[in-house]
């Protein structure tokens, strides 16, 4: 885990900066944003993110996060997704942040709850 910590921190920072750019209308691409939020962000929300990215491609942006992120992705979720050809092994549990929620509200589906 310690070996990958700098990479995970960089990916999380990049995600937050992209969300902040959307909140401040600096992204300007009109691409909708979808959130998959849960408690641990270690299983179902990561699987949903994997499916969404697989099906939507670059037509939309999706992020996932948890209110109390776990330590790592559930191995059973990674294995189940691999069985259908979707690799989520590089994902990691993340906190949801105010920027991400605001970006989704601003550029995502109306009626986000």
C-alpha atoms as a PDB file:
ATOM      1  CA  UNK A   1       0.000   0.000   0.000  1.00  0.00           C
ATOM      2  CA  UNK A   2       2.772   2.468   0.907  1.00  0.00           C
ATOM      3  CA  UNK A   3       4.336   1.956  -2.510  1.00  0.00           C
ATOM      4  CA  UNK A   4       1.161   3.140  -4.232  1.00  0.00           C
ATOM      5  CA  UNK A   5       0.320   5.981  -1.848  1.00  0.00           C
ATOM      6  CA  UNK A   6       1.919   8.764  -3.967  1.00  0.00           C
ATOM      7  CA  UNK A   7       0.099   7.514  -7.081  1.00  0.00           C
ATOM      8  CA  UNK A   8      -3.242   7.330  -5.264  1.00  0.00           C
ATOM      9  CA  UNK A   9      -2.740  10.809  -3.778  1.00  0.00           C
ATOM     10  CA  UNK A  10      -1.959  12.205  -7.244  1.00  0.00           C
ATOM     11  CA  UNK A  11      -5.045  10.578  -8.779  1.00  0.00           C
ATOM     12  CA  UNK A  12      -7.273  11.836  -5.963  1.00  0.00           C
ATOM     13  CA  UNK A  13      -5.848  15.372  -6.269  1.00  0.00           C
ATOM     14  CA  UNK A  14      -6.394  15.303 -10.046  1.00  0.00           C
ATOM     15  CA  UNK A  15     -10.016  14.241  -9.523  1.00  0.00           C
ATOM     16  CA  UNK A  16     -10.613  17.075  -7.050  1.00  0.00           C
ATOM     17  CA  UNK A  17      -9.009  19.646  -9.370  1.00  0.00           C
ATOM     18  CA  UNK A  18     -11.165  18.508 -12.297  1.00  0.00           C
ATOM     19  CA  UNK A  19     -14.244  18.808 -10.095  1.00  0.00           C
ATOM     20  CA  UNK A  20     -13.220  22.287  -8.962  1.00  0.00           C
ATOM     21  CA  UNK A  21     -12.729  23.351 -12.594  1.00  0.00           C
ATOM     22  CA  UNK A  22     -16.274  22.198 -13.328  1.00  0.00           C
ATOM     23  CA  UNK A  23     -17.667  24.079 -10.324  1.00  0.00           C
ATOM     24  CA  UNK A  24     -15.940  27.256 -11.501  1.00  0.00           C
ATOM     25  CA  UNK A  25     -17.108  26.735 -15.127  1.00  0.00           C
ATOM     26  CA  UNK A  26     -13.571  26.268 -16.415  1.00  0.00           C
ATOM     27  CA  UNK A  27     -14.159  22.804 -17.917  1.00  0.00           C
ATOM     28  CA  UNK A  28     -16.652  24.112 -20.470  1.00  0.00           C
ATOM     29  CA  UNK A  29     -17.225  20.789 -22.222  1.00  0.00           C
ATOM     30  CA  UNK A  30     -20.889  20.251 -21.287  1.00  0.00           C
ATOM     31  CA  UNK A  31     -20.205  16.637 -20.328  1.00  0.00           C
ATOM     32  CA  UNK A  32     -22.619  15.396 -17.637  1.00  0.00           C
ATOM     33  CA  UNK A  33     -21.263  14.244 -14.287  1.00  0.00           C
ATOM     34  CA  UNK A  34     -22.554  11.254 -12.316  1.00  0.00           C
ATOM     35  CA  UNK A  35     -21.692  10.321  -8.737  1.00  0.00           C
ATOM     36  CA  UNK A  36     -21.733   6.919  -7.092  1.00  0.00           C
ATOM     37  CA  UNK A  37     -21.647   7.568  -3.350  1.00  0.00           C
ATOM     38  CA  UNK A  38     -21.798   5.154  -0.446  1.00  0.00           C
ATOM     39  CA  UNK A  39     -20.204   4.584   2.931  1.00  0.00           C
ATOM     40  CA  UNK A  40     -16.983   2.660   2.247  1.00  0.00           C
ATOM     41  CA  UNK A  41     -16.484   3.145  -1.509  1.00  0.00           C
ATOM     42  CA  UNK A  42     -14.930  -0.305  -1.614  1.00  0.00           C
ATOM     43  CA  UNK A  43     -17.437  -2.516  -3.436  1.00  0.00           C
ATOM     44  CA  UNK A  44     -20.755  -1.656  -5.041  1.00  0.00           C
ATOM     45  CA  UNK A  45     -20.013   1.997  -5.781  1.00  0.00           C
ATOM     46  CA  UNK A  46     -16.704   0.996  -7.377  1.00  0.00           C
ATOM     47  CA  UNK A  47     -18.487  -1.664  -9.451  1.00  0.00           C
ATOM     48  CA  UNK A  48     -21.096   0.899 -10.517  1.00  0.00           C
ATOM     49  CA  UNK A  49     -18.313   3.290 -11.508  1.00  0.00           C
ATOM     50  CA  UNK A  50     -16.620   0.532 -13.512  1.00  0.00           C
ATOM     51  CA  UNK A  51     -19.821  -0.358 -15.355  1.00  0.00           C
ATOM     52  CA  UNK A  52     -20.638   3.292 -15.988  1.00  0.00           C
ATOM     53  CA  UNK A  53     -17.205   4.058 -17.423  1.00  0.00           C
ATOM     54  CA  UNK A  54     -17.371   0.917 -19.545  1.00  0.00           C
ATOM     55  CA  UNK A  55     -20.773   1.809 -20.985  1.00  0.00           C
ATOM     56  CA  UNK A  56     -20.567   5.613 -21.174  1.00  0.00           C
ATOM     57  CA  UNK A  57     -17.004   5.962 -22.415  1.00  0.00           C
ATOM     58  CA  UNK A  58     -16.144   9.639 -22.782  1.00  0.00           C
ATOM     59  CA  UNK A  59     -19.776  10.780 -23.129  1.00  0.00           C
ATOM     60  CA  UNK A  60     -19.986  11.444 -19.373  1.00  0.00           C
ATOM     61  CA  UNK A  61     -17.765  11.701 -16.319  1.00  0.00           C
ATOM     62  CA  UNK A  62     -18.324   9.589 -13.226  1.00  0.00           C
ATOM     63  CA  UNK A  63     -16.746   9.693  -9.804  1.00  0.00           C
ATOM     64  CA  UNK A  64     -17.250   7.564  -6.727  1.00  0.00           C
ATOM     65  CA  UNK A  65     -16.660   8.258  -3.080  1.00  0.00           C
ATOM     66  CA  UNK A  66     -17.529   7.227   0.428  1.00  0.00           C
ATOM     67  CA  UNK A  67     -18.417   8.986   3.654  1.00  0.00           C
ATOM     68  CA  UNK A  68     -16.084   6.599   5.528  1.00  0.00           C
ATOM     69  CA  UNK A  69     -13.763   5.152   2.836  1.00  0.00           C
ATOM     70  CA  UNK A  70     -12.398   1.681   3.426  1.00  0.00           C
ATOM     71  CA  UNK A  71      -8.741   0.735   3.296  1.00  0.00           C
ATOM     72  CA  UNK A  72      -8.918  -1.009  -0.078  1.00  0.00           C
ATOM     73  CA  UNK A  73     -11.284  -2.215  -2.787  1.00  0.00           C
ATOM     74  CA  UNK A  74     -13.122  -5.419  -1.965  1.00  0.00           C
ATOM     75  CA  UNK A  75     -11.288  -8.267  -3.708  1.00  0.00           C
ATOM     76  CA  UNK A  76     -14.600  -9.974  -4.542  1.00  0.00           C
ATOM     77  CA  UNK A  77     -15.770  -6.825  -6.369  1.00  0.00           C
ATOM     78  CA  UNK A  78     -12.535  -6.705  -8.384  1.00  0.00           C
ATOM     79  CA  UNK A  79     -12.882 -10.407  -9.257  1.00  0.00           C
ATOM     80  CA  UNK A  80     -16.563 -10.092 -10.226  1.00  0.00           C
ATOM     81  CA  UNK A  81     -15.830  -7.179 -12.541  1.00  0.00           C
ATOM     82  CA  UNK A  82     -12.855  -8.981 -14.070  1.00  0.00           C
ATOM     83  CA  UNK A  83     -15.185 -11.863 -14.959  1.00  0.00           C
ATOM     84  CA  UNK A  84     -17.093  -9.496 -17.272  1.00  0.00           C
ATOM     85  CA  UNK A  85     -13.946  -7.866 -18.644  1.00  0.00           C
ATOM     86  CA  UNK A  86     -13.962  -4.663 -16.592  1.00  0.00           C
ATOM     87  CA  UNK A  87     -10.803  -3.866 -14.646  1.00  0.00           C
ATOM     88  CA  UNK A  88     -11.327  -1.890 -11.434  1.00  0.00           C
ATOM     89  CA  UNK A  89      -8.137  -3.137  -9.800  1.00  0.00           C
ATOM     90  CA  UNK A  90      -6.490   0.296 -10.083  1.00  0.00           C
ATOM     91  CA  UNK A  91      -9.292   2.024  -8.173  1.00  0.00           C
ATOM     92  CA  UNK A  92      -9.133   2.822  -4.469  1.00  0.00           C
ATOM     93  CA  UNK A  93     -11.638   4.012  -1.855  1.00  0.00           C
ATOM     94  CA  UNK A  94     -11.938   7.800  -1.828  1.00  0.00           C
ATOM     95  CA  UNK A  95     -13.776  10.335   0.281  1.00  0.00           C
ATOM     96  CA  UNK A  96     -16.406  12.333  -1.460  1.00  0.00           C
ATOM     97  CA  UNK A  97     -15.531  15.996  -1.378  1.00  0.00           C
ATOM     98  CA  UNK A  98     -17.516  19.197  -1.554  1.00  0.00           C
ATOM     99  CA  UNK A  99     -16.006  20.002  -4.984  1.00  0.00           C
ATOM    100  CA  UNK A 100     -17.140  16.675  -6.422  1.00  0.00           C
ATOM    101  CA  UNK A 101     -20.686  17.010  -5.097  1.00  0.00           C
ATOM    102  CA  UNK A 102     -20.911  20.633  -6.292  1.00  0.00           C
ATOM    103  CA  UNK A 103     -19.564  19.707  -9.740  1.00  0.00           C
ATOM    104  CA  UNK A 104     -22.161  16.981 -10.123  1.00  0.00           C
ATOM    105  CA  UNK A 105     -24.960  19.271  -9.022  1.00  0.00           C
ATOM    106  CA  UNK A 106     -23.848  21.934 -11.456  1.00  0.00           C
ATOM    107  CA  UNK A 107     -23.175  19.708 -14.487  1.00  0.00           C
ATOM    108  CA  UNK A 108     -24.924  16.448 -13.689  1.00  0.00           C
ATOM    109  CA  UNK A 109     -28.502  15.379 -13.604  1.00  0.00           C
ATOM    110  CA  UNK A 110     -30.987  17.851 -12.170  1.00  0.00           C
ATOM    111  CA  UNK A 111     -32.625  16.620  -9.035  1.00  0.00           C
ATOM    112  CA  UNK A 112     -29.460  15.139  -7.537  1.00  0.00           C
ATOM    113  CA  UNK A 113     -30.181  14.134  -3.958  1.00  0.00           C
END
